[in-house]
Amino acid sequence: MNQIAATLPYKIEELRGTHIMSLGIDIGIDRNGELYLFEVNDGPSTATLISDVAYHKSNYYNYILTNKIST
């Protein structure tokens, strides 16, 4: 996995002829520990993650405010 992470992004950039800011790499591992590359996305979707982060941050801030006020 470390070798893939260290080499694959540069190969993708070379093939595309451009610098890429982020990659989504889907890798499978079989029972023998062999790795299989399923796909590489140069623009992985993070919209779902952003909404999850916002939700958890707002709950955390609310928790801090509630506990700060009650002490």
C-alpha atoms as a PDB file:
ATOM      1  CA  MET A   1       0.000   0.000   0.000  1.00  0.00           C
ATOM      2  CA  ASN A   2       2.815   2.404   0.832  1.00  0.00           C
ATOM      3  CA  GLN A   3       4.465   1.745  -2.524  1.00  0.00           C
ATOM      4  CA  ILE A   4       1.195   2.377  -4.361  1.00  0.00           C
ATOM      5  CA  ALA A   5       0.677   5.621  -2.428  1.00  0.00           C
ATOM      6  CA  ALA A   6       4.221   6.749  -3.192  1.00  0.00           C
ATOM      7  CA  THR A   7       4.201   5.967  -6.921  1.00  0.00           C
ATOM      8  CA  LEU A   8       0.667   5.883  -8.353  1.00  0.00           C
ATOM      9  CA  PRO A   9      -0.186   9.606  -8.002  1.00  0.00           C
ATOM     10  CA  TYR A  10       2.921  10.578  -9.964  1.00  0.00           C
ATOM     11  CA  LYS A  11       2.124   8.052 -12.688  1.00  0.00           C
ATOM     12  CA  ILE A  12      -1.446   9.362 -12.976  1.00  0.00           C
ATOM     13  CA  GLU A  13      -0.114  12.931 -13.235  1.00  0.00           C
ATOM     14  CA  GLU A  14       2.326  11.825 -15.911  1.00  0.00           C
ATOM     15  CA  LEU A  15      -0.401  10.100 -17.931  1.00  0.00           C
ATOM     16  CA  ARG A  16      -2.798  13.043 -17.584  1.00  0.00           C
ATOM     17  CA  GLY A  17      -0.120  15.676 -18.178  1.00  0.00           C
ATOM     18  CA  THR A  18      -1.270  17.765 -15.217  1.00  0.00           C
ATOM     19  CA  HIS A  19      -0.835  18.135 -11.466  1.00  0.00           C
ATOM     20  CA  ILE A  20      -3.643  16.635  -9.396  1.00  0.00           C
ATOM     21  CA  MET A  21      -4.583  17.941  -5.942  1.00  0.00           C
ATOM     22  CA  SER A  22      -6.442  14.862  -4.695  1.00  0.00           C
ATOM     23  CA  LEU A  23      -7.026  11.270  -5.725  1.00  0.00           C
ATOM     24  CA  GLY A  24      -9.573   8.698  -4.687  1.00  0.00           C
ATOM     25  CA  ILE A  25      -8.031   5.257  -5.056  1.00  0.00           C
ATOM     26  CA  ASP A  26     -10.189   2.133  -4.693  1.00  0.00           C
ATOM     27  CA  ILE A  27      -8.043  -0.867  -3.828  1.00  0.00           C
ATOM     28  CA  GLY A  28      -9.215  -4.396  -3.042  1.00  0.00           C
ATOM     29  CA  ILE A  29      -7.278  -6.956  -1.017  1.00  0.00           C
ATOM     30  CA  ASP A  30      -7.887 -10.663  -1.546  1.00  0.00           C
ATOM     31  CA  ARG A  31      -7.515 -13.408   1.052  1.00  0.00           C
ATOM     32  CA  ASN A  32      -3.892 -13.938   0.052  1.00  0.00           C
ATOM     33  CA  GLY A  33      -3.038 -10.271   0.625  1.00  0.00           C
ATOM     34  CA  GLU A  34      -2.792  -9.427  -3.075  1.00  0.00           C
ATOM     35  CA  LEU A  35      -3.835  -5.871  -3.970  1.00  0.00           C
ATOM     36  CA  TYR A  36      -6.146  -5.052  -6.879  1.00  0.00           C
ATOM     37  CA  LEU A  37      -6.689  -1.552  -8.224  1.00  0.00           C
ATOM     38  CA  PHE A  38     -10.341  -0.980  -9.098  1.00  0.00           C
ATOM     39  CA  GLU A  39     -10.369   2.697 -10.052  1.00  0.00           C
ATOM     40  CA  VAL A  40      -8.714   6.063  -9.558  1.00  0.00           C
ATOM     41  CA  ASN A  41     -10.712   9.311  -9.379  1.00  0.00           C
ATOM     42  CA  ASP A  42      -8.954  12.647  -9.742  1.00  0.00           C
ATOM     43  CA  GLY A  43     -11.893  14.532  -8.259  1.00  0.00           C
ATOM     44  CA  PRO A  44     -13.330  12.394  -5.474  1.00  0.00           C
ATOM     45  CA  SER A  45     -16.602  13.642  -4.044  1.00  0.00           C
ATOM     46  CA  THR A  46     -16.361  15.123  -0.570  1.00  0.00           C
ATOM     47  CA  ALA A  47     -19.809  16.758  -0.372  1.00  0.00           C
ATOM     48  CA  THR A  48     -21.151  14.064   1.957  1.00  0.00           C
ATOM     49  CA  LEU A  49     -18.133  14.376   4.222  1.00  0.00           C
ATOM     50  CA  ILE A  50     -18.467  18.156   4.397  1.00  0.00           C
ATOM     51  CA  SER A  51     -22.049  17.922   5.641  1.00  0.00           C
ATOM     52  CA  ASP A  52     -21.070  15.270   8.221  1.00  0.00           C
ATOM     53  CA  VAL A  53     -18.242  17.455   9.490  1.00  0.00           C
ATOM     54  CA  ALA A  54     -20.534  20.475   9.778  1.00  0.00           C
ATOM     55  CA  TYR A  55     -23.126  18.416  11.661  1.00  0.00           C
ATOM     56  CA  HIS A  56     -20.622  17.049  14.178  1.00  0.00           C
ATOM     57  CA  LYS A  57     -18.904  20.405  14.661  1.00  0.00           C
ATOM     58  CA  SER A  58     -22.180  22.161  15.414  1.00  0.00           C
ATOM     59  CA  ASN A  59     -23.137  19.465  17.933  1.00  0.00           C
ATOM     60  CA  TYR A  60     -19.714  19.733  19.570  1.00  0.00           C
ATOM     61  CA  TYR A  61     -19.936  23.532  19.795  1.00  0.00           C
ATOM     62  CA  ASN A  62     -23.411  23.232  21.299  1.00  0.00           C
ATOM     63  CA  TYR A  63     -22.072  20.743  23.863  1.00  0.00           C
ATOM     64  CA  ILE A  64     -19.217  23.092  24.802  1.00  0.00           C
ATOM     65  CA  LEU A  65     -21.539  26.082  25.133  1.00  0.00           C
ATOM     66  CA  THR A  66     -24.050  24.140  27.227  1.00  0.00           C
ATOM     67  CA  ASN A  67     -21.398  22.814  29.592  1.00  0.00           C
ATOM     68  CA  LYS A  68     -19.620  26.162  29.842  1.00  0.00           C
ATOM     69  CA  ILE A  69     -22.850  27.938  30.763  1.00  0.00           C
ATOM     70  CA  SER A  70     -23.924  25.324  33.321  1.00  0.00           C
ATOM     71  CA  THR A  71     -20.607  25.314  35.244  1.00  0.00           C
END
